[in-house]
Amino acid sequence: STCVKRGISFLSVGHWESSYRLSMELFSQSALVEWALGNTEQMMRSLDEVFNNANRFEDTLRAAHVKLAYLRMTGNCLAEAFAYGFQILEQLGESFPATPGNEIIVQEMLGTKQLV
């Protein structure tokens, strides 16, 4: 935590433009470390930095993983975790029906059985 905070403190004004990759790495790492330490407020601030300054969706995936893990581990946010996970998957090009019908379930089960 101290090393990441120190690294962030050395970033100059306008660092998102001048040192984008380094800024993305430091704030993503900060979110992960703060989550591991249970500092959820600081974790969310670091996540906000990443989400608000990312140039591409792909650059947010590490931060999205941290947010999803946090939501999943928080017992009262399981529905939100599922919704967020499906949102990320849709942005990656995977779509899921809101309520899959029996036909889709059987088709997927048969496809899975063939793979095994």
Protein backbone atom coordinates (compact mmCIF):
# COMPACT_ATOMS: atom_id res chain seq x y z
CA SER A 1 0.00 0.00 0.00
CA THR A 2 2.76 2.43 0.96
CA CYS A 3 4.74 1.79 -2.25
CA VAL A 4 1.68 2.32 -4.46
CA LYS A 5 0.66 5.46 -2.57
CA ARG A 6 4.21 6.76 -2.87
CA GLY A 7 4.18 6.09 -6.60
CA ILE A 8 0.88 7.96 -6.98
CA SER A 9 2.26 10.88 -4.99
CA PHE A 10 5.12 11.24 -7.51
CA LEU A 11 2.73 11.63 -10.46
CA SER A 12 2.77 15.12 -11.90
CA VAL A 13 -0.20 17.34 -12.68
CA GLY A 14 -1.72 16.09 -15.93
CA HIS A 15 -0.34 12.59 -15.37
CA TRP A 16 -3.28 10.95 -17.14
CA GLU A 17 -2.11 12.59 -20.36
CA SER A 18 1.65 12.46 -19.87
CA SER A 19 1.98 9.11 -18.05
CA TYR A 20 -1.21 7.26 -18.94
CA ARG A 21 0.05 3.66 -18.65
CA LEU A 22 1.86 4.33 -15.39
CA SER A 23 -1.19 6.11 -13.95
CA MET A 24 -3.48 3.27 -15.02
CA GLU A 25 -1.12 0.71 -13.47
CA LEU A 26 -0.71 2.59 -10.19
CA PHE A 27 -4.42 3.29 -9.65
CA SER A 28 -5.44 -0.24 -10.66
CA GLN A 29 -2.85 -1.65 -8.26
CA SER A 30 -4.00 0.77 -5.56
CA ALA A 31 -7.58 -0.47 -5.91
CA LEU A 32 -6.44 -4.08 -5.53
CA VAL A 33 -4.23 -3.36 -2.51
CA GLU A 34 -6.87 -1.26 -0.76
CA TRP A 35 -9.48 -3.96 -1.35
CA ALA A 36 -7.14 -6.58 0.15
CA LEU A 37 -6.62 -4.33 3.17
CA GLY A 38 -10.35 -3.73 3.59
CA ASN A 39 -10.09 0.00 2.80
CA THR A 40 -13.15 0.06 0.57
CA GLU A 41 -13.51 3.85 0.44
CA GLN A 42 -9.96 4.27 -0.88
CA MET A 43 -10.48 1.29 -3.17
CA MET A 44 -13.54 2.99 -4.70
CA ARG A 45 -11.63 6.26 -5.14
CA SER A 46 -8.88 4.41 -7.00
CA LEU A 47 -11.46 2.59 -9.12
CA ASP A 48 -13.15 5.88 -9.94
CA GLU A 49 -9.81 7.29 -11.09
CA VAL A 50 -9.38 4.36 -13.47
CA PHE A 51 -12.96 4.36 -14.78
CA ASN A 52 -13.07 8.15 -15.20
CA ASN A 53 -9.73 8.42 -17.02
CA ALA A 54 -9.52 5.28 -19.13
CA ASN A 55 -9.06 5.83 -22.86
CA ARG A 56 -10.36 2.39 -23.76
CA PHE A 57 -12.72 -0.11 -22.19
CA GLU A 58 -9.96 -2.72 -22.19
CA ASP A 59 -7.90 -0.52 -19.89
CA THR A 60 -10.57 -0.84 -17.19
CA LEU A 61 -10.67 -4.64 -17.06
CA ARG A 62 -8.29 -5.06 -14.11
CA ALA A 63 -10.21 -2.45 -12.14
CA ALA A 64 -13.49 -4.07 -13.17
CA HIS A 65 -12.19 -7.38 -11.84
CA VAL A 66 -11.44 -5.78 -8.47
CA LYS A 67 -14.88 -4.16 -8.36
CA LEU A 68 -16.58 -7.42 -9.29
CA ALA A 69 -14.64 -9.36 -6.65
CA TYR A 70 -15.56 -6.73 -4.05
CA LEU A 71 -19.26 -6.87 -4.98
CA ARG A 72 -19.22 -10.66 -4.97
CA MET A 73 -17.59 -10.83 -1.52
CA THR A 74 -20.04 -8.34 -0.06
CA GLY A 75 -22.97 -10.55 0.86
CA ASN A 76 -25.70 -7.99 0.23
CA CYS A 77 -24.41 -7.04 -3.26
CA LEU A 78 -24.64 -10.40 -5.00
CA ALA A 79 -27.39 -9.30 -7.41
CA GLU A 80 -25.39 -6.16 -8.21
CA ALA A 81 -22.29 -8.32 -8.78
CA PHE A 82 -24.15 -10.50 -11.28
CA ALA A 83 -25.58 -7.46 -13.06
CA TYR A 84 -22.14 -5.82 -13.22
CA GLY A 85 -20.51 -9.04 -14.44
CA PHE A 86 -23.08 -9.43 -17.22
CA GLN A 87 -22.60 -5.77 -18.17
CA ILE A 88 -18.85 -6.32 -18.54
CA LEU A 89 -19.39 -9.49 -20.57
CA GLU A 90 -21.79 -7.66 -22.89
CA GLN A 91 -19.18 -4.95 -23.46
CA LEU A 92 -16.78 -7.75 -24.38
CA GLY A 93 -19.26 -8.98 -26.99
CA GLU A 94 -20.97 -11.77 -25.07
CA SER A 95 -24.74 -11.47 -24.71
CA PHE A 96 -27.02 -13.36 -22.40
CA PRO A 97 -30.81 -13.53 -22.40
CA ALA A 98 -32.47 -12.01 -19.33
CA THR A 99 -34.36 -15.25 -18.72
CA PRO A 100 -33.13 -18.15 -20.84
CA GLY A 101 -35.83 -20.48 -22.14
CA ASN A 102 -35.69 -24.25 -21.87
CA GLU A 103 -34.59 -24.51 -25.50
CA ILE A 104 -31.46 -22.45 -24.84
CA ILE A 105 -30.69 -24.37 -21.66
CA VAL A 106 -30.98 -27.76 -23.40
CA GLN A 107 -28.89 -26.52 -26.35
CA GLU A 108 -26.12 -25.28 -24.04
CA MET A 109 -26.18 -28.47 -21.96
CA LEU A 110 -25.85 -30.61 -25.10
CA GLY A 111 -23.00 -28.43 -26.34
CA THR A 112 -21.24 -28.75 -23.00
CA LYS A 113 -21.79 -32.52 -22.95
CA GLN A 114 -20.13 -32.81 -26.37
CA LEU A 115 -17.09 -30.93 -25.07
CA VAL A 116 -16.70 -33.38 -22.19
